């Protein structure tokens, strides 16, 4: 697996949209290490998208661009909704 810069990744988890901040950062801090390599790479890739795109995916208003990101969105939703 490619080395993940944890400092950069944590910084990228900080979003400009409060709704995303309340989902992405807690998920990263509490569950990122539980993900397999493919899921971790999808998480890194997901963070490269804009807040409006992420919000539409999380709220099921639009499909994510890849099956891996779609699966990850569902994992995030399941962990946060507990």
PDB file of N, CA and C in Angstrom:
ATOM      1  N   UNK A   1       0.838  -1.181   0.000  1.00  0.00           N
ATOM      2  CA  UNK A   1       0.000   0.000   0.000  1.00  0.00           C
ATOM      3  C   UNK A   1       0.881   1.242   0.000  1.00  0.00           C
ATOM      4  N   UNK A   2       0.453   2.243  -0.727  1.00  0.00           N
ATOM      5  CA  UNK A   2       1.172   3.515  -0.727  1.00  0.00           C
ATOM      6  C   UNK A   2       1.082   4.127   0.672  1.00  0.00           C
ATOM      7  N   UNK A   3       2.165   4.734   1.081  1.00  0.00           N
ATOM      8  CA  UNK A   3       2.207   5.352   2.411  1.00  0.00           C
ATOM      9  C   UNK A   3       1.208   6.508   2.475  1.00  0.00           C
ATOM     10  N   UNK A   4       0.450   6.558   3.538  1.00  0.00           N
ATOM     11  CA  UNK A   4      -0.539   7.616   3.741  1.00  0.00           C
ATOM     12  C   UNK A   4       0.039   8.624   4.724  1.00  0.00           C
ATOM     13  N   UNK A   5       0.062   9.872   4.323  1.00  0.00           N
ATOM     14  CA  UNK A   5       0.506  10.949   5.193  1.00  0.00           C
ATOM     15  C   UNK A   5      -0.654  11.282   6.135  1.00  0.00           C
ATOM     16  N   UNK A   6      -0.573  10.817   7.365  1.00  0.00           N
ATOM     17  CA  UNK A   6      -1.681  10.969   8.321  1.00  0.00           C
ATOM     18  C   UNK A   6      -1.968  12.432   8.665  1.00  0.00           C
ATOM     19  N   UNK A   7      -0.920  13.249   8.746  1.00  0.00           N
ATOM     20  CA  UNK A   7      -1.133  14.657   9.060  1.00  0.00           C
ATOM     21  C   UNK A   7      -1.931  15.325   7.940  1.00  0.00           C
ATOM     22  N   UNK A   8      -1.528  15.085   6.704  1.00  0.00           N
ATOM     23  CA  UNK A   8      -2.224  15.662   5.549  1.00  0.00           C
ATOM     24  C   UNK A   8      -3.654  15.133   5.466  1.00  0.00           C
ATOM     25  N   UNK A   9      -3.816  13.857   5.704  1.00  0.00           N
ATOM     26  CA  UNK A   9      -5.135  13.247   5.641  1.00  0.00           C
ATOM     27  C   UNK A   9      -6.070  13.848   6.692  1.00  0.00           C
ATOM     28  N   UNK A  10      -5.571  13.997   7.910  1.00  0.00           N
ATOM     29  CA  UNK A  10      -6.405  14.596   8.954  1.00  0.00           C
ATOM     30  C   UNK A  10      -6.780  16.025   8.589  1.00  0.00           C
ATOM     31  N   UNK A  11      -5.851  16.753   8.006  1.00  0.00           N
ATOM     32  CA  UNK A  11      -6.134  18.135   7.600  1.00  0.00           C
ATOM     33  C   UNK A  11      -7.233  18.151   6.524  1.00  0.00           C
ATOM     34  N   UNK A  12      -7.162  17.216   5.579  1.00  0.00           N
ATOM     35  CA  UNK A  12      -8.152  17.152   4.509  1.00  0.00           C
ATOM     36  C   UNK A  12      -9.530  16.711   5.007  1.00  0.00           C
ATOM     37  N   UNK A  13      -9.577  16.070   6.164  1.00  0.00           N
ATOM     38  CA  UNK A  13     -10.860  15.681   6.754  1.00  0.00           C
ATOM     39  C   UNK A  13     -11.630  16.894   7.257  1.00  0.00           C
ATOM     40  N   UNK A  14     -10.928  17.970   7.505  1.00  0.00           N
ATOM     41  CA  UNK A  14     -11.589  19.203   7.941  1.00  0.00           C
ATOM     42  C   UNK A  14     -12.254  19.836   6.738  1.00  0.00           C
ATOM     43  N   UNK A  15     -13.564  19.882   6.762  1.00  0.00           N
ATOM     44  CA  UNK A  15     -14.317  20.379   5.619  1.00  0.00           C
ATOM     45  C   UNK A  15     -14.909  21.742   5.937  1.00  0.00           C
ATOM     46  N   UNK A  16     -15.349  22.439   4.917  1.00  0.00           N
ATOM     47  CA  UNK A  16     -15.958  23.744   5.106  1.00  0.00           C
ATOM     48  C   UNK A  16     -17.431  23.662   5.450  1.00  0.00           C
ATOM     49  N   UNK A  17     -18.005  22.493   5.286  1.00  0.00           N
ATOM     50  CA  UNK A  17     -19.425  22.301   5.540  1.00  0.00           C
ATOM     51  C   UNK A  17     -19.593  21.570   6.870  1.00  0.00           C
ATOM     52  N   UNK A  18     -20.285  22.180   7.790  1.00  0.00           N
ATOM     53  CA  UNK A  18     -20.433  21.634   9.138  1.00  0.00           C
ATOM     54  C   UNK A  18     -20.985  20.214   9.147  1.00  0.00           C
ATOM     55  N   UNK A  19     -21.959  19.943   8.284  1.00  0.00           N
ATOM     56  CA  UNK A  19     -22.566  18.616   8.244  1.00  0.00           C
ATOM     57  C   UNK A  19     -21.522  17.546   7.916  1.00  0.00           C
ATOM     58  N   UNK A  20     -20.619  17.878   7.006  1.00  0.00           N
ATOM     59  CA  UNK A  20     -19.560  16.932   6.656  1.00  0.00           C
ATOM     60  C   UNK A  20     -18.530  16.824   7.767  1.00  0.00           C
ATOM     61  N   UNK A  21     -18.211  17.936   8.406  1.00  0.00           N
ATOM     62  CA  UNK A  21     -17.267  17.911   9.530  1.00  0.00           C
ATOM     63  C   UNK A  21     -17.740  16.958  10.625  1.00  0.00           C
ATOM     64  N   UNK A  22     -19.022  16.906  10.837  1.00  0.00           N
ATOM     65  CA  UNK A  22     -19.570  16.064  11.905  1.00  0.00           C
ATOM     66  C   UNK A  22     -19.606  14.588  11.528  1.00  0.00           C
ATOM     67  N   UNK A  23     -19.337  14.293  10.270  1.00  0.00           N
ATOM     68  CA  UNK A  23     -19.308  12.899   9.836  1.00  0.00           C
ATOM     69  C   UNK A  23     -17.896  12.426   9.517  1.00  0.00           C
ATOM     70  N   UNK A  24     -17.181  13.194   8.740  1.00  0.00           N
ATOM     71  CA  UNK A  24     -15.907  12.720   8.200  1.00  0.00           C
ATOM     72  C   UNK A  24     -14.803  12.659   9.251  1.00  0.00           C
ATOM     73  N   UNK A  25     -14.623  13.721  10.025  1.00  0.00           N
ATOM     74  CA  UNK A  25     -13.543  13.714  11.016  1.00  0.00           C
ATOM     75  C   UNK A  25     -13.765  12.649  12.093  1.00  0.00           C
ATOM     76  N   UNK A  26     -14.957  12.544  12.680  1.00  0.00           N
ATOM     77  CA  UNK A  26     -15.159  11.469  13.669  1.00  0.00           C
ATOM     78  C   UNK A  26     -14.945  10.075  13.066  1.00  0.00           C
ATOM     79  N   UNK A  27     -15.387   9.892  11.828  1.00  0.00           N
ATOM     80  CA  UNK A  27     -15.170   8.597  11.185  1.00  0.00           C
ATOM     81  C   UNK A  27     -13.681   8.337  11.027  1.00  0.00           C
ATOM     82  N   UNK A  28     -12.961   9.338  10.566  1.00  0.00           N
ATOM     83  CA  UNK A  28     -11.513   9.165  10.385  1.00  0.00           C
ATOM     84  C   UNK A  28     -10.838   8.811  11.710  1.00  0.00           C
ATOM     85  N   UNK A  29     -11.143   9.560  12.755  1.00  0.00           N
ATOM     86  CA  UNK A  29     -10.488   9.336  14.049  1.00  0.00           C
ATOM     87  C   UNK A  29     -10.852   7.992  14.675  1.00  0.00           C
ATOM     88  N   UNK A  30     -12.091   7.556  14.488  1.00  0.00           N
ATOM     89  CA  UNK A  30     -12.571   6.360  15.190  1.00  0.00           C
ATOM     90  C   UNK A  30     -12.578   5.069  14.372  1.00  0.00           C
ATOM     91  N   UNK A  31     -12.575   5.173  13.029  1.00  0.00           N
ATOM     92  CA  UNK A  31     -12.787   3.968  12.239  1.00  0.00           C
ATOM     93  C   UNK A  31     -11.832   3.779  11.057  1.00  0.00           C
ATOM     94  N   UNK A  32     -11.039   4.771  10.712  1.00  0.00           N
ATOM     95  CA  UNK A  32     -10.178   4.665   9.530  1.00  0.00           C
ATOM     96  C   UNK A  32      -9.267   3.439   9.602  1.00  0.00           C
ATOM     97  N   UNK A  33      -8.687   3.187  10.746  1.00  0.00           N
ATOM     98  CA  UNK A  33      -7.753   2.061  10.881  1.00  0.00           C
ATOM     99  C   UNK A  33      -8.431   0.701  10.741  1.00  0.00           C
ATOM    100  N   UNK A  34      -9.752   0.652  10.857  1.00  0.00           N
ATOM    101  CA  UNK A  34     -10.501  -0.593  10.681  1.00  0.00           C
ATOM    102  C   UNK A  34     -10.714  -0.934   9.209  1.00  0.00           C
ATOM    103  N   UNK A  35     -10.527   0.044   8.336  1.00  0.00           N
ATOM    104  CA  UNK A  35     -10.765  -0.162   6.908  1.00  0.00           C
ATOM    105  C   UNK A  35      -9.659  -0.992   6.284  1.00  0.00           C
ATOM    106  N   UNK A  36     -10.010  -1.740   5.251  1.00  0.00           N
ATOM    107  CA  UNK A  36      -8.974  -2.460   4.510  1.00  0.00           C
ATOM    108  C   UNK A  36      -8.268  -1.477   3.566  1.00  0.00           C
ATOM    109  N   UNK A  37      -7.243  -1.933   2.899  1.00  0.00           N
ATOM    110  CA  UNK A  37      -6.424  -1.061   2.068  1.00  0.00           C
ATOM    111  C   UNK A  37      -7.232  -0.373   0.957  1.00  0.00           C
ATOM    112  N   UNK A  38      -8.101  -1.127   0.299  1.00  0.00           N
ATOM    113  CA  UNK A  38      -8.934  -0.566  -0.771  1.00  0.00           C
ATOM    114  C   UNK A  38      -9.849   0.520  -0.228  1.00  0.00           C
ATOM    115  N   UNK A  39     -10.435   0.274   0.922  1.00  0.00           N
ATOM    116  CA  UNK A  39     -11.329   1.260   1.534  1.00  0.00           C
ATOM    117  C   UNK A  39     -10.563   2.503   1.974  1.00  0.00           C
ATOM    118  N   UNK A  40      -9.358   2.314   2.509  1.00  0.00           N
ATOM    119  CA  UNK A  40      -8.548   3.468   2.900  1.00  0.00           C
ATOM    120  C   UNK A  40      -8.185   4.313   1.681  1.00  0.00           C
ATOM    121  N   UNK A  41      -7.847   3.665   0.583  1.00  0.00           N
ATOM    122  CA  UNK A  41      -7.530   4.405  -0.641  1.00  0.00           C
ATOM    123  C   UNK A  41      -8.767   5.142  -1.163  1.00  0.00           C
ATOM    124  N   UNK A  42      -9.935   4.516  -1.057  1.00  0.00           N
ATOM    125  CA  UNK A  42     -11.178   5.178  -1.469  1.00  0.00           C
ATOM    126  C   UNK A  42     -11.452   6.397  -0.591  1.00  0.00           C
ATOM    127  N   UNK A  43     -11.141   6.292   0.700  1.00  0.00           N
ATOM    128  CA  UNK A  43     -11.319   7.422   1.614  1.00  0.00           C
ATOM    129  C   UNK A  43     -10.427   8.587   1.196  1.00  0.00           C
ATOM    130  N   UNK A  44      -9.171   8.289   0.907  1.00  0.00           N
ATOM    131  CA  UNK A  44      -8.228   9.321   0.461  1.00  0.00           C
ATOM    132  C   UNK A  44      -8.737   9.954  -0.829  1.00  0.00           C
ATOM    133  N   UNK A  45      -9.181   9.127  -1.755  1.00  0.00           N
ATOM    134  CA  UNK A  45      -9.699   9.629  -3.026  1.00  0.00           C
ATOM    135  C   UNK A  45     -10.949  10.477  -2.804  1.00  0.00           C
ATOM    136  N   UNK A  46     -11.838  10.031  -1.929  1.00  0.00           N
ATOM    137  CA  UNK A  46     -13.080  10.745  -1.647  1.00  0.00           C
ATOM    138  C   UNK A  46     -12.803  12.171  -1.186  1.00  0.00           C
ATOM    139  N   UNK A  47     -11.757  12.344  -0.389  1.00  0.00           N
ATOM    140  CA  UNK A  47     -11.453  13.668   0.158  1.00  0.00           C
ATOM    141  C   UNK A  47     -10.998  14.663  -0.901  1.00  0.00           C
ATOM    142  N   UNK A  48     -10.667  14.194  -2.095  1.00  0.00           N
ATOM    143  CA  UNK A  48     -10.240  15.105  -3.155  1.00  0.00           C
ATOM    144  C   UNK A  48     -11.423  15.794  -3.832  1.00  0.00           C
ATOM    145  N   UNK A  49     -12.634  15.358  -3.529  1.00  0.00           N
ATOM    146  CA  UNK A  49     -13.825  15.955  -4.122  1.00  0.00           C
ATOM    147  C   UNK A  49     -14.303  17.142  -3.296  1.00  0.00           C
ATOM    148  N   UNK A  50     -15.151  17.946  -3.897  1.00  0.00           N
ATOM    149  CA  UNK A  50     -15.649  19.160  -3.229  1.00  0.00           C
ATOM    150  C   UNK A  50     -16.694  18.817  -2.171  1.00  0.00           C
ATOM    151  N   UNK A  51     -16.890  19.732  -1.247  1.00  0.00           N
ATOM    152  CA  UNK A  51     -17.900  19.545  -0.207  1.00  0.00           C
ATOM    153  C   UNK A  51     -19.297  19.337  -0.792  1.00  0.00           C
ATOM    154  N   UNK A  52     -19.726  20.150  -1.780  1.00  0.00           N
ATOM    155  CA  UNK A  52     -21.076  19.905  -2.333  1.00  0.00           C
ATOM    156  C   UNK A  52     -21.232  18.504  -2.927  1.00  0.00           C
ATOM    157  N   UNK A  53     -20.182  17.997  -3.578  1.00  0.00           N
ATOM    158  CA  UNK A  53     -20.257  16.643  -4.119  1.00  0.00           C
ATOM    159  C   UNK A  53     -20.378  15.624  -2.994  1.00  0.00           C
ATOM    160  N   UNK A  54     -19.518  15.738  -1.983  1.00  0.00           N
ATOM    161  CA  UNK A  54     -19.565  14.811  -0.846  1.00  0.00           C
ATOM    162  C   UNK A  54     -20.930  14.843  -0.170  1.00  0.00           C
ATOM    163  N   UNK A  55     -21.445  16.032   0.023  1.00  0.00           N
ATOM    164  CA  UNK A  55     -22.739  16.177   0.690  1.00  0.00           C
ATOM    165  C   UNK A  55     -23.842  15.473  -0.097  1.00  0.00           C
ATOM    166  N   UNK A  56     -23.849  15.640  -1.409  1.00  0.00           N
ATOM    167  CA  UNK A  56     -24.886  14.987  -2.233  1.00  0.00           C
ATOM    168  C   UNK A  56     -24.778  13.467  -2.149  1.00  0.00           C
ATOM    169  N   UNK A  57     -23.555  12.950  -2.073  1.00  0.00           N
ATOM    170  CA  UNK A  57     -23.389  11.492  -1.964  1.00  0.00           C
ATOM    171  C   UNK A  57     -23.856  10.989  -0.606  1.00  0.00           C
ATOM    172  N   UNK A  58     -23.460  11.685   0.442  1.00  0.00           N
ATOM    173  CA  UNK A  58     -23.815  11.269   1.805  1.00  0.00           C
ATOM    174  C   UNK A  58     -25.327  11.330   2.018  1.00  0.00           C
ATOM    175  N   UNK A  59     -25.968  12.311   1.397  1.00  0.00           N
ATOM    176  CA  UNK A  59     -27.411  12.480   1.566  1.00  0.00           C
ATOM    177  C   UNK A  59     -28.221  11.680   0.539  1.00  0.00           C
ATOM    178  N   UNK A  60     -27.539  10.825  -0.229  1.00  0.00           N
ATOM    179  CA  UNK A  60     -28.172   9.996  -1.267  1.00  0.00           C
ATOM    180  C   UNK A  60     -28.917  10.827  -2.308  1.00  0.00           C
ATOM    181  N   UNK A  61     -28.428  12.017  -2.583  1.00  0.00           N
ATOM    182  CA  UNK A  61     -29.018  12.845  -3.622  1.00  0.00           C
ATOM    183  C   UNK A  61     -28.404  12.537  -4.982  1.00  0.00           C
ATOM    184  N   UNK A  62     -27.240  11.924  -4.957  1.00  0.00           N
ATOM    185  CA  UNK A  62     -26.500  11.630  -6.181  1.00  0.00           C
ATOM    186  C   UNK A  62     -25.585  10.436  -5.899  1.00  0.00           C
ATOM    187  N   UNK A  63     -25.320   9.664  -6.932  1.00  0.00           N
ATOM    188  CA  UNK A  63     -24.431   8.506  -6.771  1.00  0.00           C
ATOM    189  C   UNK A  63     -22.974   8.948  -6.773  1.00  0.00           C
ATOM    190  N   UNK A  64     -22.169   8.320  -5.953  1.00  0.00           N
ATOM    191  CA  UNK A  64     -20.727   8.582  -5.935  1.00  0.00           C
ATOM    192  C   UNK A  64     -20.125   8.100  -7.255  1.00  0.00           C
ATOM    193  N   UNK A  65     -18.962   8.632  -7.641  1.00  0.00           N
ATOM    194  CA  UNK A  65     -18.400   8.329  -8.953  1.00  0.00           C
ATOM    195  C   UNK A  65     -17.833   6.914  -9.121  1.00  0.00           C
ATOM    196  N   UNK A  66     -17.522   6.232  -8.015  1.00  0.00           N
ATOM    197  CA  UNK A  66     -16.976   4.881  -8.118  1.00  0.00           C
ATOM    198  C   UNK A  66     -17.681   3.962  -7.129  1.00  0.00           C
ATOM    199  N   UNK A  67     -17.696   2.676  -7.421  1.00  0.00           N
ATOM    200  CA  UNK A  67     -18.293   1.727  -6.470  1.00  0.00           C
ATOM    201  C   UNK A  67     -17.569   1.726  -5.126  1.00  0.00           C
ATOM    202  N   UNK A  68     -16.254   1.935  -5.139  1.00  0.00           N
ATOM    203  CA  UNK A  68     -15.474   1.944  -3.894  1.00  0.00           C
ATOM    204  C   UNK A  68     -15.880   3.116  -2.998  1.00  0.00           C
ATOM    205  N   UNK A  69     -16.068   4.277  -3.604  1.00  0.00           N
ATOM    206  CA  UNK A  69     -16.484   5.444  -2.816  1.00  0.00           C
ATOM    207  C   UNK A  69     -17.919   5.255  -2.342  1.00  0.00           C
ATOM    208  N   UNK A  70     -18.772   4.691  -3.177  1.00  0.00           N
ATOM    209  CA  UNK A  70     -20.163   4.416  -2.758  1.00  0.00           C
ATOM    210  C   UNK A  70     -20.191   3.496  -1.545  1.00  0.00           C
ATOM    211  N   UNK A  71     -19.382   2.434  -1.590  1.00  0.00           N
ATOM    212  CA  UNK A  71     -19.312   1.504  -0.460  1.00  0.00           C
ATOM    213  C   UNK A  71     -18.813   2.231   0.788  1.00  0.00           C
ATOM    214  N   UNK A  72     -17.814   3.054   0.626  1.00  0.00           N
ATOM    215  CA  UNK A  72     -17.256   3.800   1.751  1.00  0.00           C
ATOM    216  C   UNK A  72     -18.286   4.755   2.351  1.00  0.00           C
ATOM    217  N   UNK A  73     -19.040   5.439   1.513  1.00  0.00           N
ATOM    218  CA  UNK A  73     -20.086   6.348   2.001  1.00  0.00           C
ATOM    219  C   UNK A  73     -21.069   5.582   2.885  1.00  0.00           C
ATOM    220  N   UNK A  74     -21.445   4.385   2.461  1.00  0.00           N
ATOM    221  CA  UNK A  74     -22.373   3.578   3.265  1.00  0.00           C
ATOM    222  C   UNK A  74     -21.741   3.136   4.577  1.00  0.00           C
ATOM    223  N   UNK A  75     -20.465   2.834   4.563  1.00  0.00           N
ATOM    224  CA  UNK A  75     -19.767   2.480   5.803  1.00  0.00           C
ATOM    225  C   UNK A  75     -19.757   3.678   6.747  1.00  0.00           C
ATOM    226  N   UNK A  76     -19.442   4.843   6.226  1.00  0.00           N
ATOM    227  CA  UNK A  76     -19.418   6.058   7.046  1.00  0.00           C
ATOM    228  C   UNK A  76     -20.794   6.304   7.638  1.00  0.00           C
ATOM    229  N   UNK A  77     -21.822   6.240   6.805  1.00  0.00           N
ATOM    230  CA  UNK A  77     -23.192   6.466   7.301  1.00  0.00           C
ATOM    231  C   UNK A  77     -23.561   5.457   8.396  1.00  0.00           C
ATOM    232  N   UNK A  78     -23.174   4.210   8.224  1.00  0.00           N
ATOM    233  CA  UNK A  78     -23.541   3.188   9.213  1.00  0.00           C
ATOM    234  C   UNK A  78     -22.821   3.407  10.539  1.00  0.00           C
ATOM    235  N   UNK A  79     -21.584   3.860  10.501  1.00  0.00           N
ATOM    236  CA  UNK A  79     -20.825   4.087  11.726  1.00  0.00           C
ATOM    237  C   UNK A  79     -21.294   5.341  12.455  1.00  0.00           C
ATOM    238  N   UNK A  80     -21.665   6.364  11.716  1.00  0.00           N
ATOM    239  CA  UNK A  80     -22.067   7.632  12.316  1.00  0.00           C
ATOM    240  C   UNK A  80     -23.494   7.556  12.854  1.00  0.00           C
ATOM    241  N   UNK A  81     -24.353   6.777  12.206  1.00  0.00           N
ATOM    242  CA  UNK A  81     -25.762   6.721  12.599  1.00  0.00           C
ATOM    243  C   UNK A  81     -26.003   5.884  13.836  1.00  0.00           C
ATOM    244  N   UNK A  82     -24.994   5.229  14.342  1.00  0.00           N
ATOM    245  CA  UNK A  82     -25.170   4.388  15.541  1.00  0.00           C
ATOM    246  C   UNK A  82     -25.458   5.206  16.753  1.00  0.00           C
TER     247      UNK A  82
END
